[in-house]
Amino acid sequence: MKNMIINARRYPIGIQTFSEIITNGYVYVDKTDLVWQLGHYAKYIFLSRPRRFGKSLLTSTLESYFKGEKSLFEGLKIMPLEKEWEEYPVIRLDLSTAKGQDSPAELRDKLTLLLKPYKEEYGSDPDEKTPGGVLAGLIRRAYKKTEKQVVVLLDEYDAPLLEVLHEGEMLNPMRKVMQEFYQPLKASEAMIKFCFITGITKFSQLSIFSTINNLKNVTMLPQFSAICGITEHEVKTVLAEGIEKMAVNYNCSAEEMFERIKMRYDGYHFSETSDDIYNPYSLLNAFTDCKLSNYWFESGTPTFLIRQMQHFRTDIMSLDRLDVFSSEFDQPTEAMQSALPLLYQSGYLTIKDYDEETETYTLSIPNQEVRIGYTEGLLPVYTGLEAGRVKAGFAMKFWLALKRHDVDLAMREMQAYLASIPYVEGFKKKLREVAIAEGFYEYTMYLIFSTLNFYVRTQVKCAGGREDMVVWMPDAIYVFELKVNGTAQDALKEIDNGNYAIPYQTDGRSVVKVGVKFDSEKRVPVDWAVSI
């Protein structure tokens, strides 16, 4: 890159309040037409989106809209749509501040504390002993005081429960606290103008919103797929200046810079006909710094997700391309039979394609940022290797060797690296158990390739059987067969006998067949054979 050029535009990093963005002149991607449509779509609405995708800003925008703060919306898309600008009392709660409580009693106390500002505004009643009782009283008093129906906005509604998923002794009593808290939302229906609930995961109405039988889930509706996140059109128009300044820093054209940004941050789709959606947190950070980096993953470790993947013994190598029905990933969190719903709802998988005839969705990892950060987080869990050591130890050497089509050098780099490093603490016993199976080496190579952002598929079906691994690079396709019992030549013969390379011969890139023999005691590749 050239010397850094600081971006003069002010991007709202960490700012989730609509009024502050507008009044202080921050860059704003106008979603107010969709906000208006959402406010008139149904009375009780639920929307799920991944973390740091703009849910809190959306909730804040709804708050300003229902408070009738017309001046904030001057010049925005909502103005031709809204004629009345009527003011309503708004109760807005951020439940992310209630996560991490150690007991139901602590959770009840925290919820009651969240309601304190509204008790000061609308009064309190000493007979209201529970958080739900306090909320019901606030809605009733706000309605009576203003003679207007009340708007209730609940942001990150699932935060108090995420950390205790599949911990039955803790989950059930904590869930009962939340059930009691949300119960007034239905009981107060006549006094409520609009109720909006947002979060990452999707708990069933039966378990959390037991009385709200008319809660409308708009999570996968095409008309609201772009309400959070930034579309490709918005990137090319509203944020075009950011692309141009980054292009100067990276000494490339604006078109080339756009393609690099697209590869890193694009790829999300929230319905079968969704626009391309970019991660807003990463994108705005990149424009602020004039630098490509993995901002979303650096902002938080997906520990709860990895814990669930371990709980369900998730096959990580199957996640690159899954063909599934919506019922397999758009389902209540507590009814999960696999980690798939949580992977989708959390943004680690997204919709890549939809087949109308079979009504099946293709799910895959969204983009480069997710692939690299995700696999780095999984490396120590699944293979016992430290992600930082992998990248610093040999990744660049390995990549350069493959780029020069020197498979022998690449495999020697891998052999030297795997033979030289310690595994993470606590993994050695597990290692003795798993290292005798070829699947362990598939996991290891899959994750290593993925941290380099290669497109990797494992257990690829073809007419002759299943290929252990296929790696796509810009100018070559590598077909790998791995052996623990057997020789490298045996592995190469299996590729030929199964015709594993034939499906790629019309691609235009060179096809390289590689047979690899692993030693289960040393846990390194000890022999390999190559054929082109």
Protein backbone atom coordinates (compact mmCIF):
# COMPACT_ATOMS: atom_id res chain seq x y z
CA MET A 1 0.00 0.00 0.00
CA LYS A 2 0.99 3.63 -0.44
CA ASN A 3 1.12 6.07 2.47
CA MET A 4 -2.20 5.96 4.26
CA ILE A 5 -4.84 8.49 3.24
CA ILE A 6 -7.23 9.25 6.07
CA ASN A 7 -10.86 9.18 5.04
CA ALA A 8 -12.46 12.61 5.57
CA ARG A 9 -15.99 11.23 5.75
CA ARG A 10 -17.24 10.32 9.21
CA TYR A 11 -18.44 6.76 9.47
CA PRO A 12 -20.59 5.81 12.50
CA ILE A 13 -18.29 3.21 14.06
CA GLY A 14 -19.84 1.99 17.29
CA ILE A 15 -22.71 4.49 17.03
CA GLN A 16 -26.13 2.83 17.10
CA THR A 17 -28.30 5.87 17.81
CA PHE A 18 -30.12 7.21 14.77
CA SER A 19 -30.43 10.78 16.10
CA GLU A 20 -26.70 11.03 16.79
CA ILE A 21 -25.80 9.82 13.29
CA ILE A 22 -28.11 12.36 11.66
CA THR A 23 -27.41 15.39 13.84
CA ASN A 24 -23.63 14.94 13.82
CA GLY A 25 -23.31 14.42 10.08
CA TYR A 26 -22.14 10.82 9.98
CA VAL A 27 -22.51 8.82 6.78
CA TYR A 28 -25.98 7.26 6.78
CA VAL A 29 -27.18 4.55 4.41
CA ASP A 30 -30.87 5.41 4.12
CA LYS A 31 -33.15 2.54 5.15
CA THR A 32 -36.06 4.70 6.26
CA ASP A 33 -38.42 3.54 3.50
CA LEU A 34 -38.01 -0.02 4.81
CA VAL A 35 -38.43 1.25 8.38
CA TRP A 36 -41.76 2.78 7.38
CA GLN A 37 -42.87 -0.45 5.68
CA LEU A 38 -41.87 -2.46 8.76
CA GLY A 39 -43.82 -0.13 11.04
CA HIS A 40 -46.96 -0.69 8.97
CA TYR A 41 -46.54 -4.39 8.20
CA ALA A 42 -47.88 -5.98 11.39
CA LYS A 43 -48.45 -5.15 15.04
CA TYR A 44 -46.03 -7.71 16.54
CA ILE A 45 -42.85 -8.30 14.54
CA PHE A 46 -39.75 -10.45 15.05
CA LEU A 47 -36.50 -10.07 13.08
CA SER A 48 -33.31 -12.14 13.45
CA ARG A 49 -29.93 -10.95 12.17
CA PRO A 50 -26.28 -11.74 13.06
CA ARG A 51 -24.41 -9.67 15.64
CA ARG A 52 -23.17 -6.22 14.59
CA PHE A 53 -25.48 -6.14 11.59
CA GLY A 54 -27.37 -2.97 12.48
CA LYS A 55 -30.23 -4.35 14.60
CA SER A 56 -29.69 -1.73 17.31
CA LEU A 57 -29.58 1.12 14.77
CA LEU A 58 -32.80 -0.19 13.22
CA THR A 59 -34.42 -0.27 16.67
CA SER A 60 -33.22 3.29 17.37
CA THR A 61 -34.60 4.47 14.00
CA LEU A 62 -37.98 2.95 14.83
CA GLU A 63 -37.87 4.76 18.18
CA SER A 64 -37.27 8.14 16.53
CA TYR A 65 -39.99 7.45 13.97
CA PHE A 66 -42.65 6.51 16.51
CA LYS A 67 -41.68 9.46 18.72
CA GLY A 68 -42.59 11.65 15.75
CA GLU A 69 -39.12 13.22 15.42
CA LYS A 70 -39.81 14.44 11.90
CA SER A 71 -36.86 16.84 11.68
CA LEU A 72 -34.40 13.93 11.86
CA PHE A 73 -35.88 12.39 8.71
CA GLU A 74 -35.81 15.45 6.44
CA GLY A 75 -34.52 14.51 2.99
CA LEU A 76 -34.74 10.77 3.66
CA LYS A 77 -36.78 8.15 1.81
CA ILE A 78 -39.50 8.04 4.44
CA MET A 79 -40.71 11.61 3.86
CA PRO A 80 -43.00 10.94 0.85
CA LEU A 81 -44.46 7.93 2.71
CA GLU A 82 -45.33 9.35 6.13
CA LYS A 83 -47.96 12.10 6.28
CA GLU A 84 -49.00 12.31 9.94
CA TRP A 85 -45.88 12.04 12.17
CA GLU A 86 -47.91 11.24 15.23
CA GLU A 87 -46.03 10.90 18.53
CA TYR A 88 -46.36 7.74 20.64
CA PRO A 89 -44.85 6.76 24.00
CA VAL A 90 -41.95 4.36 23.40
CA ILE A 91 -40.45 1.77 25.74
CA ARG A 92 -37.15 0.61 24.28
CA LEU A 93 -35.07 -2.03 26.06
CA ASP A 94 -31.61 -3.38 25.18
CA LEU A 95 -31.53 -6.92 26.61
CA SER A 96 -27.82 -7.35 25.79
CA THR A 97 -27.13 -5.62 29.10
CA ALA A 98 -28.93 -8.48 30.88
CA LYS A 99 -26.68 -11.28 29.60
CA GLY A 100 -24.23 -13.12 31.79
CA GLN A 101 -26.44 -13.31 34.89
CA ASP A 102 -25.64 -16.26 37.16
CA SER A 103 -29.11 -17.00 38.49
CA PRO A 104 -32.81 -16.35 37.84
CA ALA A 105 -32.84 -13.93 40.79
CA GLU A 106 -29.99 -11.89 39.29
CA LEU A 107 -31.75 -11.88 35.92
CA ARG A 108 -35.00 -10.61 37.49
CA ASP A 109 -33.07 -7.85 39.27
CA LYS A 110 -31.34 -6.83 36.04
CA LEU A 111 -34.60 -6.69 34.09
CA THR A 112 -36.20 -4.58 36.81
CA LEU A 113 -33.21 -2.22 36.68
CA LEU A 114 -33.62 -1.87 32.90
CA LEU A 115 -37.15 -0.60 33.47
CA LYS A 116 -36.13 1.99 36.07
CA PRO A 117 -35.94 5.02 33.67
CA TYR A 118 -39.50 4.33 32.52
CA LYS A 119 -40.70 4.01 36.13
CA GLU A 120 -39.32 7.50 36.71
CA GLU A 121 -41.24 8.77 33.68
CA TYR A 122 -44.53 6.94 34.09
CA GLY A 123 -44.57 6.09 37.80
CA SER A 124 -44.47 2.82 39.72
CA ASP A 125 -46.64 0.58 41.87
CA PRO A 126 -45.25 -1.24 44.95
CA ASP A 127 -47.53 -4.20 44.19
CA GLU A 128 -45.59 -4.89 40.97
CA LYS A 129 -43.10 -7.47 42.25
CA THR A 130 -41.80 -9.09 39.04
CA PRO A 131 -40.20 -7.68 35.87
CA GLY A 132 -43.28 -8.68 33.88
CA GLY A 133 -45.54 -7.02 36.41
CA VAL A 134 -43.50 -3.81 36.21
CA LEU A 135 -43.58 -3.86 32.38
CA ALA A 136 -47.37 -4.38 32.36
CA GLY A 137 -47.81 -1.48 34.77
CA LEU A 138 -45.59 0.80 32.68
CA ILE A 139 -47.55 0.06 29.50
CA ARG A 140 -50.82 0.72 31.33
CA ARG A 141 -49.65 4.00 32.90
CA ALA A 142 -48.00 5.26 29.69
CA TYR A 143 -51.22 4.58 27.80
CA LYS A 144 -53.29 6.37 30.43
CA LYS A 145 -50.93 9.35 30.75
CA THR A 146 -50.52 10.05 27.02
CA GLU A 147 -53.86 8.67 25.80
CA LYS A 148 -51.84 7.03 23.04
CA GLN A 149 -51.03 3.41 22.36
CA VAL A 150 -47.52 2.38 23.42
CA VAL A 151 -44.63 1.24 21.21
CA VAL A 152 -42.43 -1.52 22.70
CA LEU A 153 -38.99 -2.18 21.17
CA LEU A 154 -36.93 -5.11 22.47
CA ASP A 155 -33.36 -5.30 21.16
CA GLU A 156 -31.24 -8.49 21.58
CA TYR A 157 -34.14 -10.26 23.29
CA ASP A 158 -32.22 -13.57 23.37
CA ALA A 159 -29.00 -12.26 24.97
CA PRO A 160 -29.84 -13.49 28.52
CA LEU A 161 -30.25 -17.07 27.24
CA LEU A 162 -27.49 -17.53 24.65
CA GLU A 163 -24.79 -18.55 27.08
CA VAL A 164 -26.92 -21.24 28.75
CA LEU A 165 -28.15 -23.08 25.66
CA HIS A 166 -28.27 -26.83 26.32
CA GLU A 167 -27.60 -26.29 30.01
CA GLY A 168 -30.96 -27.65 31.15
CA GLU A 169 -30.54 -26.90 34.84
CA MET A 170 -29.87 -23.24 34.09
CA LEU A 171 -31.76 -22.73 30.81
CA ASN A 172 -35.22 -23.71 32.04
CA PRO A 173 -35.41 -21.41 35.09
CA MET A 174 -33.83 -18.53 33.14
CA ARG A 175 -36.31 -19.08 30.33
CA LYS A 176 -39.21 -18.92 32.81
CA VAL A 177 -38.00 -15.50 33.94
CA MET A 178 -38.04 -14.30 30.33
CA GLN A 179 -41.47 -15.86 29.73
CA GLU A 180 -42.91 -13.93 32.66
CA PHE A 181 -41.23 -10.75 31.44
CA TYR A 182 -42.64 -10.99 27.91
CA GLN A 183 -46.14 -12.10 28.97
CA PRO A 184 -47.59 -8.55 29.21
CA LEU A 185 -46.90 -7.93 25.53
CA LYS A 186 -49.93 -10.01 24.57
CA ALA A 187 -52.04 -9.18 27.63
CA SER A 188 -51.63 -5.45 26.86
CA GLU A 189 -52.48 -5.83 23.16
CA ALA A 190 -55.21 -3.15 23.21
CA MET A 191 -52.74 -0.60 24.60
CA ILE A 192 -49.89 -1.42 22.19
CA LYS A 193 -49.43 0.34 18.87
CA PHE A 194 -46.40 -1.63 17.68
CA CYS A 195 -44.06 -4.22 19.16
CA PHE A 196 -40.69 -5.02 17.58
CA ILE A 197 -38.45 -7.83 18.84
CA THR A 198 -34.99 -8.50 17.48
CA GLY A 199 -32.08 -10.81 18.27
CA ILE A 200 -29.65 -13.32 16.81
CA THR A 201 -31.41 -16.61 17.48
CA LYS A 202 -34.98 -17.75 17.13
CA PHE A 203 -36.56 -19.17 20.27
CA SER A 204 -40.00 -20.65 19.67
CA GLN A 205 -43.12 -18.70 20.51
CA LEU A 206 -44.18 -21.58 22.74
CA SER A 207 -41.11 -21.41 24.96
CA ILE A 208 -40.54 -17.66 25.23
CA PHE A 209 -43.51 -15.74 23.84
CA SER A 210 -46.06 -18.25 25.06
CA THR A 211 -49.00 -15.87 24.80
CA ILE A 212 -48.04 -13.97 21.64
CA ASN A 213 -49.64 -16.16 19.01
CA ASN A 214 -49.65 -13.40 16.40
CA LEU A 215 -45.91 -12.61 16.37
CA LYS A 216 -44.96 -12.10 12.71
CA ASN A 217 -41.48 -13.37 11.81
CA VAL A 218 -40.09 -11.26 8.93
CA THR A 219 -36.55 -12.66 9.10
CA MET A 220 -36.68 -14.39 5.70
CA LEU A 221 -39.17 -12.16 3.88
CA PRO A 222 -37.64 -10.78 0.64
CA GLN A 223 -39.02 -7.25 1.16
CA PHE A 224 -37.04 -6.89 4.39
CA SER A 225 -33.87 -8.77 3.40
CA ALA A 226 -31.91 -5.50 3.05
CA ILE A 227 -33.24 -3.69 6.15
CA CYS A 228 -30.00 -4.52 8.00
CA GLY A 229 -26.61 -4.58 6.29
CA ILE A 230 -25.55 -2.71 3.15
CA THR A 231 -26.51 -3.72 -0.39
CA GLU A 232 -24.12 -3.80 -3.31
CA HIS A 233 -25.97 -0.87 -4.89
CA GLU A 234 -25.50 1.15 -1.70
CA VAL A 235 -21.79 0.30 -1.63
CA LYS A 236 -21.36 1.54 -5.20
CA THR A 237 -23.35 4.75 -4.67
CA VAL A 238 -23.51 6.00 -1.08
CA LEU A 239 -20.08 4.60 -0.19
CA ALA A 240 -18.31 5.05 -3.54
CA GLU A 241 -15.94 7.67 -2.12
CA GLY A 242 -14.63 5.15 0.40
CA ILE A 243 -13.79 2.69 -2.39
CA GLU A 244 -11.89 5.35 -4.31
CA LYS A 245 -9.78 6.37 -1.31
CA MET A 246 -8.98 2.75 -0.46
CA ALA A 247 -7.95 2.20 -4.08
CA VAL A 248 -5.36 4.96 -3.74
CA ASN A 249 -3.94 3.33 -0.61
CA TYR A 250 -3.77 -0.08 -2.28
CA ASN A 251 -2.39 1.34 -5.56
CA CYS A 252 -5.13 -0.20 -7.69
CA SER A 253 -8.17 0.91 -9.67
CA ALA A 254 -11.53 1.56 -7.99
CA GLU A 255 -12.92 -1.45 -9.86
CA GLU A 256 -10.18 -3.73 -8.51
CA MET A 257 -10.66 -2.33 -5.00
CA PHE A 258 -14.38 -2.98 -5.19
CA GLU A 259 -13.77 -6.62 -6.11
CA ARG A 260 -11.43 -7.04 -3.14
CA ILE A 261 -13.99 -5.47 -0.81
CA LYS A 262 -16.72 -7.67 -2.27
CA MET A 263 -14.70 -10.85 -1.73
CA ARG A 264 -13.93 -9.89 1.87
CA TYR A 265 -17.27 -8.54 3.15
CA ASP A 266 -20.09 -9.45 0.72
CA GLY A 267 -22.02 -12.69 0.35
CA TYR A 268 -24.91 -12.53 2.83
CA HIS A 269 -28.45 -13.32 1.68
CA PHE A 270 -31.44 -13.38 4.03
CA SER A 271 -34.09 -14.69 1.66
CA GLU A 272 -34.26 -16.68 -1.57
CA THR A 273 -34.37 -13.43 -3.62
CA SER A 274 -32.19 -11.25 -1.38
CA ASP A 275 -29.84 -8.60 -2.69
CA ASP A 276 -26.14 -9.12 -2.05
CA ILE A 277 -25.65 -7.87 1.51
CA TYR A 278 -22.33 -6.64 2.92
CA ASN A 279 -21.36 -6.83 6.58
CA PRO A 280 -21.91 -3.20 7.71
CA TYR A 281 -19.59 -3.31 10.72
CA SER A 282 -16.62 -4.58 8.75
CA LEU A 283 -17.32 -2.40 5.72
CA LEU A 284 -17.54 0.86 7.65
CA ASN A 285 -14.44 0.01 9.67
CA ALA A 286 -12.57 -0.72 6.44
CA PHE A 287 -13.57 2.65 4.97
CA THR A 288 -12.64 4.46 8.19
CA ASP A 289 -9.16 2.88 8.29
CA CYS A 290 -8.73 2.62 4.50
CA LYS A 291 -7.65 -0.94 5.20
CA LEU A 292 -8.94 -4.46 4.61
CA SER A 293 -9.04 -6.46 7.83
CA ASN A 294 -11.22 -9.05 9.58
CA TYR A 295 -13.08 -6.57 11.78
CA TRP A 296 -16.15 -8.70 12.51
CA PHE A 297 -14.17 -11.58 13.95
CA GLU A 298 -11.73 -9.31 15.76
CA SER A 299 -14.70 -7.73 17.56
CA GLY A 300 -15.72 -10.93 19.34
CA THR A 301 -14.96 -14.63 19.69
CA PRO A 302 -17.82 -16.98 18.72
CA THR A 303 -17.37 -19.11 21.85
CA PHE A 304 -21.04 -19.99 22.25
CA LEU A 305 -21.16 -21.14 18.64
CA ILE A 306 -18.08 -23.34 18.90
CA ARG A 307 -19.50 -24.82 22.10
CA GLN A 308 -22.68 -25.78 20.26
CA MET A 309 -20.70 -27.22 17.34
CA GLN A 310 -18.86 -29.43 19.80
CA HIS A 311 -22.14 -30.37 21.50
CA PHE A 312 -23.59 -31.58 18.19
CA ARG A 313 -20.26 -32.98 16.92
CA THR A 314 -20.56 -30.87 13.79
CA ASP A 315 -18.74 -32.03 10.67
CA ILE A 316 -17.01 -28.76 9.79
CA MET A 317 -16.00 -29.98 6.36
CA SER A 318 -19.62 -30.23 5.27
CA LEU A 319 -20.34 -26.55 5.84
CA ASP A 320 -18.99 -25.12 2.59
CA ARG A 321 -22.02 -26.11 0.57
CA LEU A 322 -25.16 -27.61 2.11
CA ASP A 323 -28.43 -28.28 0.28
CA VAL A 324 -31.21 -28.21 2.88
CA PHE A 325 -34.87 -27.39 3.43
CA SER A 326 -35.72 -24.23 5.36
CA SER A 327 -37.04 -26.35 8.23
CA GLU A 328 -33.47 -27.56 8.84
CA PHE A 329 -32.01 -24.10 9.54
CA ASP A 330 -34.96 -21.77 10.16
CA GLN A 331 -36.13 -23.43 13.37
CA PRO A 332 -36.37 -22.62 17.08
CA THR A 333 -33.03 -22.55 18.86
CA GLU A 334 -34.03 -24.88 21.67
CA ALA A 335 -35.38 -27.44 19.17
CA MET A 336 -32.07 -27.74 17.30
CA GLN A 337 -30.94 -31.24 16.37
CA SER A 338 -27.70 -29.85 14.93
CA ALA A 339 -25.73 -26.60 15.06
CA LEU A 340 -27.04 -25.64 11.60
CA PRO A 341 -29.79 -23.20 12.76
CA LEU A 342 -27.35 -21.40 15.03
CA LEU A 343 -24.68 -21.26 12.30
CA TYR A 344 -27.20 -19.66 9.94
CA GLN A 345 -28.79 -17.30 12.46
CA SER A 346 -25.37 -16.17 13.70
CA GLY A 347 -24.12 -15.34 10.19
CA TYR A 348 -21.50 -18.08 9.84
CA LEU A 349 -23.56 -19.63 7.03
CA THR A 350 -25.83 -17.82 4.62
CA ILE A 351 -28.15 -18.53 1.69
CA LYS A 352 -26.23 -18.85 -1.58
CA ASP A 353 -28.89 -20.35 -3.85
CA TYR A 354 -32.52 -21.49 -3.91
CA ASP A 355 -34.18 -24.17 -6.03
CA GLU A 356 -37.88 -23.37 -6.54
CA GLU A 357 -38.71 -26.83 -7.86
CA THR A 358 -37.40 -28.73 -4.84
CA GLU A 359 -37.75 -25.79 -2.39
CA THR A 360 -34.22 -26.39 -1.15
CA TYR A 361 -31.68 -23.78 -0.06
CA THR A 362 -27.94 -23.93 -0.60
CA LEU A 363 -26.08 -22.65 2.47
CA SER A 364 -22.39 -21.78 2.53
CA ILE A 365 -19.80 -19.63 4.32
CA PRO A 366 -20.56 -16.01 3.28
CA ASN A 367 -17.18 -14.51 2.44
CA GLN A 368 -13.42 -14.38 2.95
CA GLU A 369 -13.59 -12.67 6.33
CA VAL A 370 -15.89 -15.30 7.81
CA ARG A 371 -13.97 -18.19 6.27
CA ILE A 372 -10.60 -17.07 7.62
CA GLY A 373 -11.79 -16.03 11.08
CA TYR A 374 -14.07 -19.01 11.44
CA THR A 375 -11.43 -21.57 10.55
CA GLU A 376 -8.84 -19.87 12.74
CA GLY A 377 -11.25 -20.23 15.66
CA LEU A 378 -11.83 -23.90 14.86
CA LEU A 379 -8.20 -24.93 14.32
CA PRO A 380 -7.32 -25.42 18.01
CA VAL A 381 -10.69 -27.08 18.75
CA TYR A 382 -10.61 -29.63 15.94
CA THR A 383 -6.90 -30.22 15.30
CA GLY A 384 -5.04 -28.92 18.35
CA LEU A 385 -3.02 -26.48 16.21
CA GLU A 386 -2.66 -22.83 17.16
CA ALA A 387 -4.07 -20.67 14.37
CA GLY A 388 -1.45 -17.95 14.78
CA ARG A 389 1.36 -20.50 14.52
CA VAL A 390 -0.18 -21.98 11.39
CA LYS A 391 -0.23 -18.68 9.55
CA ALA A 392 3.12 -17.44 10.80
CA GLY A 393 4.82 -20.83 10.68
CA PHE A 394 4.38 -21.96 7.12
CA ALA A 395 1.21 -20.68 5.48
CA MET A 396 2.87 -18.16 3.18
CA LYS A 397 5.63 -20.60 2.20
CA PHE A 398 3.05 -23.28 1.46
CA TRP A 399 0.94 -20.89 -0.62
CA LEU A 400 3.91 -19.69 -2.64
CA ALA A 401 5.01 -23.26 -3.32
CA LEU A 402 1.56 -24.22 -4.66
CA LYS A 403 1.43 -21.01 -6.68
CA ARG A 404 4.65 -22.18 -8.40
CA HIS A 405 3.09 -25.65 -8.84
CA ASP A 406 5.82 -27.12 -6.63
CA VAL A 407 3.75 -29.67 -4.73
CA ASP A 408 6.86 -31.41 -3.42
CA LEU A 409 8.10 -28.23 -1.74
CA ALA A 410 4.62 -27.45 -0.39
CA MET A 411 4.30 -30.90 1.20
CA ARG A 412 7.82 -30.68 2.67
CA GLU A 413 6.86 -27.34 4.23
CA MET A 414 3.77 -28.98 5.74
CA GLN A 415 5.77 -31.98 6.94
CA ALA A 416 8.38 -29.78 8.64
CA TYR A 417 5.75 -27.56 10.19
CA LEU A 418 3.53 -30.33 11.61
CA ALA A 419 6.61 -32.12 12.98
CA SER A 420 7.92 -29.05 14.78
CA ILE A 421 5.04 -27.47 16.68
CA PRO A 422 3.40 -28.27 20.00
CA TYR A 423 -0.36 -28.86 20.11
CA VAL A 424 -2.67 -26.81 22.33
CA GLU A 425 -2.87 -27.80 25.97
CA GLY A 426 -5.28 -30.61 26.70
CA PHE A 427 -5.36 -31.95 23.14
CA LYS A 428 -2.66 -34.64 23.34
CA LYS A 429 -4.92 -37.37 24.73
CA LYS A 430 -7.55 -36.65 22.10
CA LEU A 431 -4.82 -36.62 19.46
CA ARG A 432 -3.82 -40.20 20.23
CA GLU A 433 -7.41 -41.25 19.60
CA VAL A 434 -8.10 -39.33 16.39
CA ALA A 435 -4.74 -39.42 14.60
CA ILE A 436 -5.22 -43.01 13.45
CA ALA A 437 -8.12 -42.00 11.17
CA GLU A 438 -7.83 -40.37 7.76
CA GLY A 439 -10.65 -38.00 8.72
CA PHE A 440 -8.37 -36.23 11.21
CA TYR A 441 -5.94 -35.33 8.44
CA GLU A 442 -8.81 -34.18 6.24
CA TYR A 443 -9.88 -31.82 9.05
CA THR A 444 -6.33 -30.58 9.50
CA MET A 445 -5.66 -29.92 5.82
CA TYR A 446 -9.13 -28.48 5.28
CA LEU A 447 -8.69 -25.91 8.05
CA ILE A 448 -5.14 -25.06 7.02
CA PHE A 449 -6.20 -24.46 3.41
CA SER A 450 -9.21 -22.44 4.59
CA THR A 451 -7.06 -20.06 6.67
CA LEU A 452 -5.27 -19.31 3.40
CA ASN A 453 -8.67 -18.56 1.82
CA PHE A 454 -8.45 -21.40 -0.69
CA TYR A 455 -11.75 -22.87 -1.79
CA VAL A 456 -11.68 -26.38 -0.34
CA ARG A 457 -14.20 -29.22 -0.52
CA THR A 458 -13.86 -32.56 1.25
CA GLN A 459 -15.58 -35.88 0.63
CA VAL A 460 -16.66 -34.67 -2.82
CA LYS A 461 -19.08 -37.07 -4.47
CA CYS A 462 -18.47 -38.16 -8.04
CA ALA A 463 -19.41 -41.12 -10.24
CA GLY A 464 -16.44 -43.17 -9.05
CA GLY A 465 -16.85 -42.56 -5.32
CA ARG A 466 -15.78 -39.79 -2.90
CA GLU A 467 -12.70 -37.62 -3.32
CA ASP A 468 -10.98 -36.88 0.00
CA MET A 469 -10.25 -33.28 -0.87
CA VAL A 470 -10.35 -30.86 -3.80
CA VAL A 471 -8.59 -27.49 -3.63
CA TRP A 472 -9.31 -24.73 -6.15
CA MET A 473 -6.62 -22.13 -6.87
CA PRO A 474 -6.64 -19.39 -9.54
CA ASP A 475 -4.75 -21.45 -12.11
CA ALA A 476 -4.96 -25.04 -10.85
CA ILE A 477 -7.25 -27.60 -9.20
CA TYR A 478 -5.66 -30.06 -6.77
CA VAL A 479 -7.31 -33.44 -6.16
CA PHE A 480 -6.00 -35.00 -2.91
CA GLU A 481 -6.38 -38.57 -1.66
CA LEU A 482 -5.11 -39.23 1.88
CA LYS A 483 -3.96 -42.55 3.35
CA VAL A 484 -3.01 -43.68 6.84
CA ASN A 485 -3.08 -47.37 5.97
CA GLY A 486 -1.56 -47.67 2.52
CA THR A 487 1.00 -45.83 0.41
CA ALA A 488 1.06 -42.55 -1.50
CA GLN A 489 1.04 -44.57 -4.73
CA ASP A 490 -2.06 -46.43 -3.49
CA ALA A 491 -3.74 -43.07 -2.96
CA LEU A 492 -2.76 -41.89 -6.45
CA LYS A 493 -4.10 -45.12 -7.98
CA GLU A 494 -7.41 -44.59 -6.17
CA ILE A 495 -7.72 -41.16 -7.80
CA ASP A 496 -7.17 -42.74 -11.23
CA ASN A 497 -9.35 -45.81 -10.63
CA GLY A 498 -12.20 -43.68 -9.34
CA ASN A 499 -11.82 -41.13 -12.17
CA TYR A 500 -11.77 -38.43 -9.49
CA ALA A 501 -9.98 -35.88 -11.69
CA ILE A 502 -12.22 -36.21 -14.77
CA PRO A 503 -14.96 -33.75 -13.60
CA TYR A 504 -12.40 -30.91 -13.61
CA GLN A 505 -10.72 -31.50 -16.95
CA THR A 506 -13.01 -29.10 -18.83
CA ASP A 507 -12.45 -26.29 -16.31
CA GLY A 508 -9.52 -24.76 -18.18
CA ARG A 509 -7.18 -24.90 -15.20
CA SER A 510 -4.51 -27.55 -14.83
CA VAL A 511 -5.58 -30.55 -12.73
CA VAL A 512 -3.01 -31.89 -10.28
CA LYS A 513 -3.52 -35.28 -8.59
CA VAL A 514 -1.80 -35.74 -5.22
CA GLY A 515 -1.64 -38.94 -3.13
CA VAL A 516 -0.48 -38.42 0.46
CA LYS A 517 0.61 -40.96 3.09
CA PHE A 518 0.34 -39.87 6.75
CA ASP A 519 2.16 -41.51 9.68
CA SER A 520 -0.30 -41.91 12.57
CA GLU A 521 2.49 -41.95 15.17
CA LYS A 522 4.36 -38.88 13.95
CA ARG A 523 1.13 -37.26 12.64
CA VAL A 524 2.87 -35.83 9.57
CA PRO A 525 2.83 -36.56 5.84
CA VAL A 526 5.72 -38.95 5.19
CA ASP A 527 5.28 -39.64 1.48
CA TRP A 528 3.41 -38.15 -1.45
CA ALA A 529 3.01 -38.81 -5.14
CA VAL A 530 2.01 -36.30 -7.81
CA SER A 531 0.53 -36.73 -11.28
CA ILE A 532 -0.63 -34.09 -13.75
